[in-house]
Amino acid sequence: MEAQALRKRGWSISAIARHLGRSRPTIRAYLNGQRVPGQRRRGVPDPFEPFAEYCRLRLDAETGDPHLWATTLFDELVELGYAGGYSTFTRALRGRGLRPDCDKCAHAGGPDEYVRIEHAPGAETQWDWLELPQAPASWEWGSGAHLLVGTLPYSGIWRGVLAESEDQPHLIEALHQVCERLGGVSAEWRFDRMATVCHPATGEVTASFAQVAKHYGVIVRVCPPGRSWRKGSVEKANHVAAQRWWRTLGDDASPAQAQASLDEWCRRRGDIRIRKIGGGRVSVAELARREPLRPMPHPAFPAVLEVERLVAPQALVSFRGNFYSVPPGHAGQMMLVRHLLGAATLDIVTAGGAVLARHRRQVDHAGVICQADEHAAALEAKVLAARAQAAGGGPCPRKTRRPPSVAARAEADRLRGAGAEDKAPVVDFAAYAAQARPLSAASPAGRTGTSTGGDVAGPGPA
């Protein structure tokens, strides 16, 4: 400010520099606007600068995702080679104004008060369904997918399993798989008032799910009505799963790849979180190892899983990434794939309840085509019969000898004759000699002419 004032009075840059005790390049830079007071020039290159354009594109309001979590974007930059810290990254986002403002979110409020509930190690597992919209079309799961999330609130560790539906058999199957990923079974399970576990009006556990609780040896706790945050640990895990994993899942991922990516994310990102316990700092993975969980019962609870599937034209039915055959004649019809959890086989059943086929269940998402020999033979016979009926007999023989017919040979001779008339060579040497004699007679006397086309000499007898 003083330099600007002195400059307006007519002072030279050298005089201002001597008066203020600064160098002339510094005074000149401030007077020309090249430097701004309060903003220091970096002595080293900014590590965020190469990634600024990528962040701008990811947070763009039209082509990107303006609500993408900073932690999720930071994970992506680390994979791309960003070596700075998280606080440096968020400061760069704020300083450059890369995240656009959202008027709707600016006026959205939330609960003002929370109560922290202490949990003993291994005492409780909290469960909840997370609805995931816009599932990839290749999954053929309708409008969305479903993720059952289970968390141990003492340590904060959580795992999730993708499911096609939220009915009770899918719930039981996902419960078993999540417990395997968590490492065992806790003493209690806490749910909200989902109809597959309890009667929503009264909160009493249903008779069918009571058998499940008895099989796993747990006590079922149901949240009070309208108090879903009573299981706040799993609610927060749902929030993280939706924002940091599902929001960035690619469209080309299969269900198996999506499940594998979620398990990997939980191990690499979720389990390394630091929690303060007893005045110390411990990772979530270390706390999870301290929880006294009981071993998993084997086999799983024998629930009957049923899903609808459309029979393909090849008489195949898809289930969990594999294909199972049915007798021909049912293409385009809806069938039920029925599987008893823990069993080695599955049944394909009609809408009326008739069992069409029974197959040994293959490993999920292995891409195996399980086709019974009798189904393959019946399908082949049906296809051959259809071809025979359409052609008026069996398929034409492919190895018979059929030379060109008389008419074809005559046409070939005609074509050869037409070509010979156009380009016929001179084969009559007498005619050639008769044409060459007048030319020989016109040559000078005593001079012998030699033809290049044959043994013709002139003048004189040949």
Protein backbone atom coordinates (compact mmCIF):
# COMPACT_ATOMS: atom_id res chain seq x y z
CA MET A 1 0.00 0.00 0.00
CA GLU A 2 2.81 2.41 0.85
CA ALA A 3 4.62 1.59 -2.38
CA GLN A 4 1.49 2.39 -4.39
CA ALA A 5 1.05 5.67 -2.56
CA LEU A 6 4.67 6.73 -3.10
CA ARG A 7 4.45 5.76 -6.77
CA LYS A 8 1.46 8.05 -7.22
CA ARG A 9 3.53 10.88 -5.73
CA GLY A 10 6.08 10.41 -8.50
CA TRP A 11 8.76 8.48 -6.67
CA SER A 12 10.96 6.22 -8.72
CA ILE A 13 11.18 2.49 -8.12
CA SER A 14 14.74 2.86 -6.82
CA ALA A 15 13.71 5.53 -4.34
CA ILE A 16 10.76 3.45 -3.11
CA ALA A 17 13.02 0.41 -2.73
CA ARG A 18 15.57 2.37 -0.65
CA HIS A 19 12.83 3.90 1.46
CA LEU A 20 11.08 0.58 2.22
CA GLY A 21 14.21 -1.55 2.44
CA ARG A 22 13.17 -3.92 -0.34
CA SER A 23 14.72 -4.86 -3.64
CA ARG A 24 13.69 -3.16 -6.85
CA PRO A 25 12.32 -6.37 -8.49
CA THR A 26 10.07 -6.85 -5.46
CA ILE A 27 8.74 -3.29 -5.62
CA ARG A 28 8.25 -3.56 -9.38
CA ALA A 29 6.32 -6.86 -9.03
CA TYR A 30 3.92 -5.36 -6.47
CA LEU A 31 3.39 -2.21 -8.53
CA ASN A 32 2.70 -4.20 -11.73
CA GLY A 33 0.26 -6.56 -9.98
CA GLN A 34 2.45 -9.65 -10.45
CA ARG A 35 2.46 -10.25 -6.69
CA VAL A 36 -0.41 -9.90 -4.21
CA PRO A 37 0.05 -9.08 -0.52
CA GLY A 38 -0.59 -12.08 1.72
CA GLN A 39 0.05 -14.68 -1.00
CA ARG A 40 3.50 -16.16 -0.93
CA ARG A 41 5.04 -17.73 -3.97
CA ARG A 42 5.76 -21.44 -3.62
CA GLY A 43 9.38 -22.43 -3.54
CA VAL A 44 8.63 -25.95 -4.84
CA PRO A 45 6.09 -27.15 -7.44
CA ASP A 46 2.56 -27.72 -6.18
CA PRO A 47 1.98 -31.52 -5.99
CA PHE A 48 -1.76 -31.01 -6.55
CA GLU A 49 -1.43 -29.05 -9.79
CA PRO A 50 -1.17 -32.09 -12.16
CA PHE A 51 -4.40 -33.49 -10.66
CA ALA A 52 -6.44 -30.29 -10.61
CA GLU A 53 -8.07 -30.88 -13.99
CA TYR A 54 -9.07 -34.42 -13.07
CA CYS A 55 -10.71 -33.16 -9.86
CA ARG A 56 -12.52 -30.45 -11.80
CA LEU A 57 -13.94 -33.03 -14.23
CA ARG A 58 -14.98 -35.42 -11.44
CA LEU A 59 -16.77 -32.63 -9.53
CA ASP A 60 -18.35 -30.94 -12.54
CA ALA A 61 -22.06 -30.30 -12.00
CA GLU A 62 -23.12 -31.53 -15.47
CA THR A 63 -20.69 -34.26 -16.52
CA GLY A 64 -19.31 -35.31 -13.14
CA ASP A 65 -20.53 -35.77 -9.57
CA PRO A 66 -20.58 -32.57 -7.46
CA HIS A 67 -21.54 -34.59 -4.35
CA LEU A 68 -18.60 -36.99 -4.56
CA TRP A 69 -16.98 -37.35 -1.15
CA ALA A 70 -13.54 -35.81 -0.79
CA THR A 71 -12.30 -39.06 0.75
CA THR A 72 -13.45 -40.99 -2.31
CA LEU A 73 -11.79 -38.53 -4.67
CA PHE A 74 -8.63 -38.67 -2.56
CA ASP A 75 -8.56 -42.47 -2.90
CA GLU A 76 -8.76 -42.10 -6.68
CA LEU A 77 -5.90 -39.59 -6.74
CA VAL A 78 -3.72 -41.87 -4.61
CA GLU A 79 -4.28 -44.63 -7.18
CA LEU A 80 -3.22 -42.12 -9.89
CA GLY A 81 0.02 -41.26 -8.09
CA TYR A 82 -0.84 -38.32 -5.81
CA ALA A 83 1.72 -38.23 -2.99
CA GLY A 84 0.30 -35.41 -0.84
CA GLY A 85 -1.68 -35.71 2.37
CA TYR A 86 -5.45 -35.58 2.78
CA SER A 87 -5.46 -32.18 4.50
CA THR A 88 -3.30 -30.72 1.71
CA PHE A 89 -5.70 -32.19 -0.84
CA THR A 90 -8.84 -30.73 0.79
CA ARG A 91 -7.13 -27.34 1.20
CA ALA A 92 -6.32 -27.35 -2.53
CA LEU A 93 -9.95 -28.18 -3.36
CA ARG A 94 -11.20 -25.26 -1.27
CA GLY A 95 -8.54 -22.86 -2.50
CA ARG A 96 -9.32 -23.50 -6.15
CA GLY A 97 -13.09 -23.64 -5.63
CA LEU A 98 -13.36 -26.91 -7.56
CA ARG A 99 -16.55 -28.15 -5.87
CA PRO A 100 -19.65 -26.31 -7.15
CA ASP A 101 -22.26 -25.08 -4.68
CA CYS A 102 -25.59 -26.91 -4.34
CA ASP A 103 -28.55 -24.81 -3.18
CA LYS A 104 -30.64 -27.85 -2.28
CA CYS A 105 -28.00 -29.32 0.00
CA ALA A 106 -27.15 -25.95 1.56
CA HIS A 107 -30.61 -25.71 3.18
CA ALA A 108 -30.93 -29.39 4.14
CA GLY A 109 -30.77 -30.03 7.87
CA GLY A 110 -30.22 -33.10 9.98
CA PRO A 111 -30.53 -34.26 13.56
CA ASP A 112 -28.92 -31.89 16.02
CA GLU A 113 -28.24 -34.27 18.88
CA TYR A 114 -26.82 -37.77 19.11
CA VAL A 115 -26.35 -40.15 22.01
CA ARG A 116 -23.26 -42.35 21.97
CA ILE A 117 -23.99 -45.91 23.10
CA GLU A 118 -21.16 -48.01 24.45
CA HIS A 119 -20.92 -51.59 23.17
CA ALA A 120 -19.01 -54.48 24.68
CA PRO A 121 -16.71 -56.55 22.45
CA GLY A 122 -18.58 -59.28 20.60
CA ALA A 123 -21.91 -58.30 22.14
CA GLU A 124 -23.87 -57.11 19.12
CA THR A 125 -24.07 -57.14 15.34
CA GLN A 126 -26.21 -54.51 13.65
CA TRP A 127 -27.94 -55.35 10.36
CA ASP A 128 -29.63 -53.30 7.68
CA TRP A 129 -30.52 -53.44 4.00
CA LEU A 130 -29.07 -50.80 1.69
CA GLU A 131 -30.99 -50.24 -1.54
CA LEU A 132 -28.62 -49.52 -4.43
CA PRO A 133 -30.32 -47.84 -7.41
CA GLN A 134 -29.21 -48.00 -11.04
CA ALA A 135 -27.64 -51.44 -11.01
CA PRO A 136 -25.78 -52.29 -14.26
CA ALA A 137 -28.17 -53.59 -16.92
CA SER A 138 -26.04 -56.71 -17.44
CA TRP A 139 -27.00 -57.92 -13.96
CA GLU A 140 -30.68 -58.27 -14.97
CA TRP A 141 -31.70 -57.38 -11.42
CA GLY A 142 -34.40 -54.91 -12.36
CA SER A 143 -34.16 -51.31 -11.19
CA GLY A 144 -31.58 -51.84 -8.46
CA ALA A 145 -29.55 -54.13 -6.23
CA HIS A 146 -29.65 -54.79 -2.50
CA LEU A 147 -26.75 -54.86 -0.07
CA LEU A 148 -27.05 -56.43 3.37
CA VAL A 149 -24.60 -54.67 5.68
CA GLY A 150 -23.52 -56.06 9.04
CA THR A 151 -21.27 -54.20 11.48
CA LEU A 152 -19.74 -54.85 14.87
CA PRO A 153 -20.25 -51.53 16.72
CA TYR A 154 -17.44 -52.09 19.25
CA SER A 155 -14.70 -52.18 16.64
CA GLY A 156 -16.59 -50.50 13.80
CA ILE A 157 -15.69 -53.22 11.27
CA TRP A 158 -18.38 -53.91 8.67
CA ARG A 159 -18.97 -56.13 5.67
CA GLY A 160 -21.68 -56.33 3.01
CA VAL A 161 -23.10 -58.92 0.61
CA LEU A 162 -25.01 -58.18 -2.60
CA ALA A 163 -28.40 -59.81 -3.03
CA GLU A 164 -31.00 -59.84 -5.77
CA SER A 165 -33.95 -59.50 -3.38
CA GLU A 166 -34.75 -58.66 0.24
CA ASP A 167 -36.99 -61.64 0.94
CA GLN A 168 -36.26 -63.91 3.88
CA PRO A 169 -34.24 -66.63 2.04
CA HIS A 170 -31.96 -63.97 0.51
CA LEU A 171 -31.67 -62.36 3.95
CA ILE A 172 -30.65 -65.64 5.58
CA GLU A 173 -28.11 -66.40 2.86
CA ALA A 174 -26.59 -62.92 3.11
CA LEU A 175 -26.53 -63.11 6.94
CA HIS A 176 -24.47 -66.28 6.78
CA GLN A 177 -22.02 -64.84 4.25
CA VAL A 178 -21.55 -61.57 6.15
CA CYS A 179 -20.89 -63.46 9.40
CA GLU A 180 -18.24 -65.48 7.59
CA ARG A 181 -16.58 -62.25 6.45
CA LEU A 182 -16.75 -60.78 9.96
CA GLY A 183 -15.17 -63.88 11.45
CA GLY A 184 -18.00 -65.35 13.53
CA VAL A 185 -21.31 -64.80 15.31
CA SER A 186 -21.93 -62.26 18.07
CA ALA A 187 -24.27 -62.72 21.05
CA GLU A 188 -27.06 -60.48 19.70
CA TRP A 189 -28.38 -59.33 16.35
CA ARG A 190 -30.09 -55.95 16.05
CA PHE A 191 -32.54 -55.14 13.23
CA ASP A 192 -34.99 -52.41 12.44
CA ARG A 193 -38.63 -53.40 11.95
CA MET A 194 -38.20 -55.27 8.67
CA ALA A 195 -41.06 -57.63 7.84
CA THR A 196 -38.74 -60.57 7.15
CA VAL A 197 -37.54 -60.52 10.79
CA CYS A 198 -40.46 -59.31 12.91
CA HIS A 199 -44.03 -58.09 12.76
CA PRO A 200 -43.60 -54.35 12.07
CA ALA A 201 -46.63 -53.34 14.16
CA THR A 202 -45.60 -55.12 17.36
CA GLY A 203 -41.87 -55.79 16.92
CA GLU A 204 -42.28 -59.47 17.79
CA VAL A 205 -39.95 -61.84 15.97
CA THR A 206 -41.70 -64.03 13.40
CA ALA A 207 -41.83 -67.77 13.90
CA SER A 208 -39.79 -68.46 10.77
CA PHE A 209 -36.96 -66.12 11.75
CA ALA A 210 -37.02 -67.43 15.32
CA GLN A 211 -35.82 -70.74 13.88
CA VAL A 212 -32.97 -68.88 12.18
CA ALA A 213 -31.96 -67.22 15.46
CA LYS A 214 -32.07 -70.60 17.19
CA HIS A 215 -29.85 -72.13 14.49
CA TYR A 216 -27.17 -69.44 14.95
CA GLY A 217 -27.64 -69.17 18.74
CA VAL A 218 -28.29 -65.41 18.87
CA ILE A 219 -30.76 -63.10 20.58
CA VAL A 220 -32.72 -60.87 18.19
CA ARG A 221 -33.15 -57.23 19.22
CA VAL A 222 -35.60 -54.99 17.34
CA CYS A 223 -35.24 -51.21 17.32
CA PRO A 224 -38.08 -49.10 18.75
CA PRO A 225 -40.47 -47.66 16.12
CA GLY A 226 -39.06 -44.63 14.36
CA ARG A 227 -35.61 -45.09 15.94
CA SER A 228 -33.52 -46.43 13.09
CA TRP A 229 -30.49 -44.54 14.43
CA ARG A 230 -30.56 -46.84 17.46
CA LYS A 231 -28.34 -48.93 15.17
CA GLY A 232 -26.30 -45.92 14.09
CA SER A 233 -23.15 -47.94 13.46
CA VAL A 234 -24.67 -49.83 10.54
CA GLU A 235 -26.45 -46.68 9.32
CA LYS A 236 -23.09 -44.97 9.00
CA ALA A 237 -21.66 -48.02 7.27
CA ASN A 238 -24.53 -47.80 4.77
CA HIS A 239 -23.67 -44.18 4.14
CA VAL A 240 -20.01 -45.02 3.50
CA ALA A 241 -20.88 -47.98 1.24
CA ALA A 242 -23.18 -45.87 -0.90
CA GLN A 243 -20.88 -42.87 -1.23
CA ARG A 244 -17.41 -44.36 -1.34
CA TRP A 245 -18.02 -47.66 -3.13
CA TRP A 246 -21.32 -47.86 -5.03
CA ARG A 247 -21.11 -44.31 -6.36
CA THR A 248 -17.86 -45.08 -8.20
CA LEU A 249 -18.59 -48.66 -9.35
CA GLY A 250 -18.15 -49.07 -13.11
CA ASP A 251 -20.92 -50.11 -15.49
CA ASP A 252 -18.93 -53.09 -16.81
CA ALA A 253 -18.61 -54.81 -13.42
CA SER A 254 -20.39 -58.14 -12.97
CA PRO A 255 -22.02 -59.06 -9.62
CA ALA A 256 -19.01 -61.20 -8.73
CA GLN A 257 -16.59 -58.40 -9.60
CA ALA A 258 -18.68 -55.89 -7.64
CA GLN A 259 -18.67 -58.16 -4.57
CA ALA A 260 -14.93 -58.68 -4.86
CA SER A 261 -14.32 -54.94 -5.17
CA LEU A 262 -16.42 -54.27 -2.04
CA ASP A 263 -14.50 -56.88 -0.02
CA GLU A 264 -11.21 -55.42 -1.22
CA TRP A 265 -12.33 -51.88 -0.38
CA CYS A 266 -13.30 -52.94 3.15
CA ARG A 267 -9.90 -54.52 3.71
CA ARG A 268 -7.83 -51.72 2.19
CA ARG A 269 -9.85 -48.66 3.27
CA GLY A 270 -12.38 -49.54 5.94
CA ASP A 271 -10.20 -51.68 8.20
CA ILE A 272 -7.32 -49.17 8.42
CA ARG A 273 -9.44 -46.50 10.14
CA ILE A 274 -8.04 -45.37 13.48
CA ARG A 275 -10.19 -45.31 16.60
CA LYS A 276 -9.37 -43.91 20.05
CA ILE A 277 -9.83 -46.58 22.72
CA GLY A 278 -8.63 -46.15 26.30
CA GLY A 279 -6.47 -43.16 25.49
CA GLY A 280 -4.70 -44.95 22.63
CA ARG A 281 -5.07 -45.14 18.87
CA VAL A 282 -5.93 -48.54 17.41
CA SER A 283 -6.98 -49.60 13.92
CA VAL A 284 -10.39 -51.10 13.25
CA ALA A 285 -8.80 -54.37 12.12
CA GLU A 286 -6.93 -54.70 15.42
CA LEU A 287 -10.07 -54.03 17.43
CA ALA A 288 -11.98 -56.61 15.39
CA ARG A 289 -9.44 -59.27 16.34
CA ARG A 290 -10.21 -58.59 20.01
CA GLU A 291 -13.94 -59.32 19.68
CA PRO A 292 -14.88 -62.76 21.08
CA LEU A 293 -17.09 -64.12 18.30
CA ARG A 294 -18.43 -67.65 18.24
CA PRO A 295 -17.63 -69.97 15.31
CA MET A 296 -20.04 -70.21 12.41
CA PRO A 297 -22.51 -73.12 12.43
CA HIS A 298 -22.27 -75.45 9.46
CA PRO A 299 -24.16 -75.95 7.32
CA ALA A 300 -26.13 -72.72 6.85
CA PHE A 301 -29.76 -72.52 7.90
CA PRO A 302 -31.74 -74.59 5.35
CA ALA A 303 -33.87 -71.86 3.82
CA VAL A 304 -35.34 -72.39 0.36
CA LEU A 305 -34.23 -69.76 -2.12
CA GLU A 306 -36.45 -69.12 -5.16
CA VAL A 307 -35.90 -66.73 -8.07
CA GLU A 308 -37.71 -66.33 -11.39
CA ARG A 309 -35.79 -66.83 -14.60
CA LEU A 310 -36.67 -66.79 -18.32
CA VAL A 311 -35.80 -69.86 -20.39
CA ALA A 312 -33.48 -68.97 -23.26
CA PRO A 313 -33.97 -70.30 -26.83
CA GLN A 314 -31.14 -72.77 -26.18
CA ALA A 315 -33.23 -74.32 -23.35
CA LEU A 316 -30.93 -72.82 -20.70
CA VAL A 317 -31.75 -70.98 -17.47
CA SER A 318 -29.27 -68.55 -15.92
CA PHE A 319 -28.58 -68.48 -12.18
CA ARG A 320 -25.72 -66.77 -10.35
CA GLY A 321 -23.50 -66.49 -13.40
CA ASN A 322 -24.02 -70.08 -14.65
CA PHE A 323 -26.47 -71.77 -17.05
CA TYR A 324 -28.55 -74.87 -16.38
CA SER A 325 -30.45 -76.86 -19.01
CA VAL A 326 -34.15 -77.80 -19.17
CA PRO A 327 -35.98 -80.03 -21.64
CA PRO A 328 -36.68 -78.33 -25.01
CA GLY A 329 -40.03 -76.74 -25.68
CA HIS A 330 -40.04 -74.19 -22.84
CA ALA A 331 -38.22 -71.28 -24.49
CA GLY A 332 -39.62 -67.90 -23.44
CA GLN A 333 -41.38 -69.28 -20.35
CA MET A 334 -40.78 -68.13 -16.77
CA MET A 335 -39.35 -70.78 -14.44
CA LEU A 336 -38.45 -70.89 -10.77
CA VAL A 337 -34.91 -71.76 -9.76
CA ARG A 338 -35.21 -73.36 -6.32
CA HIS A 339 -32.21 -73.98 -4.09
CA LEU A 340 -32.01 -75.22 -0.52
CA LEU A 341 -29.20 -73.29 1.21
CA GLY A 342 -26.38 -75.67 2.02
CA ALA A 343 -27.51 -78.29 -0.51
CA ALA A 344 -25.37 -79.37 -3.44
CA THR A 345 -28.19 -79.34 -6.01
CA LEU A 346 -30.81 -76.97 -7.36
CA ASP A 347 -34.16 -77.54 -9.07
CA ILE A 348 -35.81 -75.77 -12.01
CA VAL A 349 -39.55 -75.75 -11.40
CA THR A 350 -42.51 -74.65 -13.51
CA ALA A 351 -45.11 -72.19 -12.28
CA GLY A 352 -47.36 -75.14 -11.48
CA GLY A 353 -44.75 -76.73 -9.22
CA ALA A 354 -43.48 -79.50 -11.52
CA VAL A 355 -39.73 -80.13 -11.32
CA LEU A 356 -38.30 -79.98 -14.86
CA ALA A 357 -34.63 -80.49 -14.05
CA ARG A 358 -32.26 -81.03 -11.16
CA HIS A 359 -28.60 -80.06 -11.45
CA ARG A 360 -25.56 -79.99 -9.25
CA ARG A 361 -25.00 -76.37 -8.30
CA GLN A 362 -21.82 -74.91 -9.71
CA VAL A 363 -19.60 -72.26 -8.15
CA ASP A 364 -21.31 -68.90 -8.49
CA HIS A 365 -20.31 -66.72 -11.46
CA ALA A 366 -18.03 -69.38 -12.95
CA GLY A 367 -19.64 -69.17 -16.41
CA VAL A 368 -20.35 -72.93 -16.51
CA ILE A 369 -23.00 -74.41 -18.83
CA CYS A 370 -24.46 -77.39 -16.98
CA GLN A 371 -26.38 -79.39 -19.59
CA ALA A 372 -27.80 -82.85 -18.94
CA ASP A 373 -27.13 -85.49 -21.62
CA GLU A 374 -30.81 -86.24 -22.15
CA HIS A 375 -31.58 -82.53 -22.55
CA ALA A 376 -28.83 -82.13 -25.13
CA ALA A 377 -30.01 -85.17 -27.10
CA ALA A 378 -33.64 -84.05 -27.02
CA LEU A 379 -32.70 -80.53 -28.14
CA GLU A 380 -30.59 -81.90 -31.00
CA ALA A 381 -33.38 -84.20 -32.15
CA LYS A 382 -35.87 -81.35 -32.07
CA VAL A 383 -33.62 -79.07 -34.11
CA LEU A 384 -32.95 -81.76 -36.73
CA ALA A 385 -36.63 -82.57 -36.99
CA ALA A 386 -37.48 -78.92 -37.48
CA ARG A 387 -34.90 -78.62 -40.26
CA ALA A 388 -36.18 -81.76 -41.96
CA GLN A 389 -39.75 -80.50 -41.86
CA ALA A 390 -38.77 -77.13 -43.26
CA ALA A 391 -36.71 -78.61 -46.14
CA GLY A 392 -39.07 -81.49 -46.99
CA GLY A 393 -36.56 -84.13 -45.95
CA GLY A 394 -33.26 -84.51 -44.25
CA PRO A 395 -30.38 -82.17 -44.80
CA CYS A 396 -28.75 -82.27 -48.22
CA PRO A 397 -25.73 -84.57 -48.59
CA ARG A 398 -22.48 -82.65 -48.72
CA LYS A 399 -20.07 -85.26 -50.22
CA THR A 400 -21.85 -86.49 -53.41
CA ARG A 401 -20.16 -86.12 -56.84
CA ARG A 402 -22.06 -83.83 -59.20
CA PRO A 403 -20.03 -82.81 -62.30
CA PRO A 404 -21.19 -80.00 -64.61
CA SER A 405 -24.29 -80.87 -66.64
CA VAL A 406 -24.48 -81.03 -70.46
CA ALA A 407 -26.04 -77.59 -70.63
CA ALA A 408 -23.32 -76.19 -68.36
CA ARG A 409 -20.57 -77.71 -70.52
CA ALA A 410 -22.19 -76.32 -73.69
CA GLU A 411 -22.32 -72.86 -72.13
CA ALA A 412 -18.68 -73.20 -71.13
CA ASP A 413 -17.73 -74.11 -74.72
CA ARG A 414 -19.64 -71.09 -76.00
CA LEU A 415 -17.76 -68.85 -73.64
CA ARG A 416 -14.43 -70.32 -74.71
CA GLY A 417 -15.32 -69.83 -78.41
CA ALA A 418 -16.26 -66.21 -77.90
CA GLY A 419 -12.94 -65.56 -76.27
CA ALA A 420 -11.04 -67.33 -79.05
CA GLU A 421 -12.60 -65.17 -81.78
CA ASP A 422 -11.52 -62.02 -80.02
CA LYS A 423 -7.89 -63.09 -79.56
CA ALA A 424 -7.22 -65.75 -82.29
CA PRO A 425 -3.48 -66.27 -83.04
CA VAL A 426 -2.11 -66.51 -86.68
CA VAL A 427 -1.34 -70.18 -87.33
CA ASP A 428 -1.43 -70.30 -91.20
CA PHE A 429 2.15 -69.47 -92.41
CA ALA A 430 1.13 -69.62 -96.11
CA ALA A 431 -1.13 -66.65 -95.60
CA TYR A 432 1.68 -64.89 -93.76
CA ALA A 433 4.11 -65.57 -96.68
CA ALA A 434 1.63 -64.28 -99.27
CA GLN A 435 1.38 -61.03 -97.38
CA ALA A 436 5.15 -60.74 -97.00
CA ARG A 437 6.10 -61.25 -100.74
CA PRO A 438 4.97 -57.81 -102.04
CA LEU A 439 7.09 -56.19 -99.41
CA SER A 440 10.11 -58.32 -100.44
CA ALA A 441 9.68 -57.43 -104.12
CA ALA A 442 9.82 -53.75 -103.33
CA SER A 443 13.23 -54.09 -101.61
CA PRO A 444 16.51 -53.12 -103.52
CA ALA A 445 18.00 -55.69 -105.97
CA GLY A 446 20.68 -57.96 -104.71
CA ARG A 447 19.59 -57.43 -101.11
CA THR A 448 18.22 -60.31 -99.16
CA GLY A 449 15.39 -59.61 -96.73
CA THR A 450 14.87 -61.83 -93.74
CA SER A 451 11.56 -62.07 -92.01
CA THR A 452 11.46 -62.14 -88.25
CA GLY A 453 8.31 -64.19 -88.19
CA GLY A 454 9.62 -67.41 -89.93
CA ASP A 455 11.85 -69.02 -92.60
CA VAL A 456 10.76 -66.74 -95.44
CA ALA A 457 13.50 -65.23 -97.70
CA GLY A 458 13.13 -62.99 -100.66
CA PRO A 459 13.39 -62.47 -103.54
CA GLY A 460 13.54 -65.91 -105.04
CA PRO A 461 11.86 -69.20 -104.33
CA ALA A 462 11.48 -69.99 -100.67
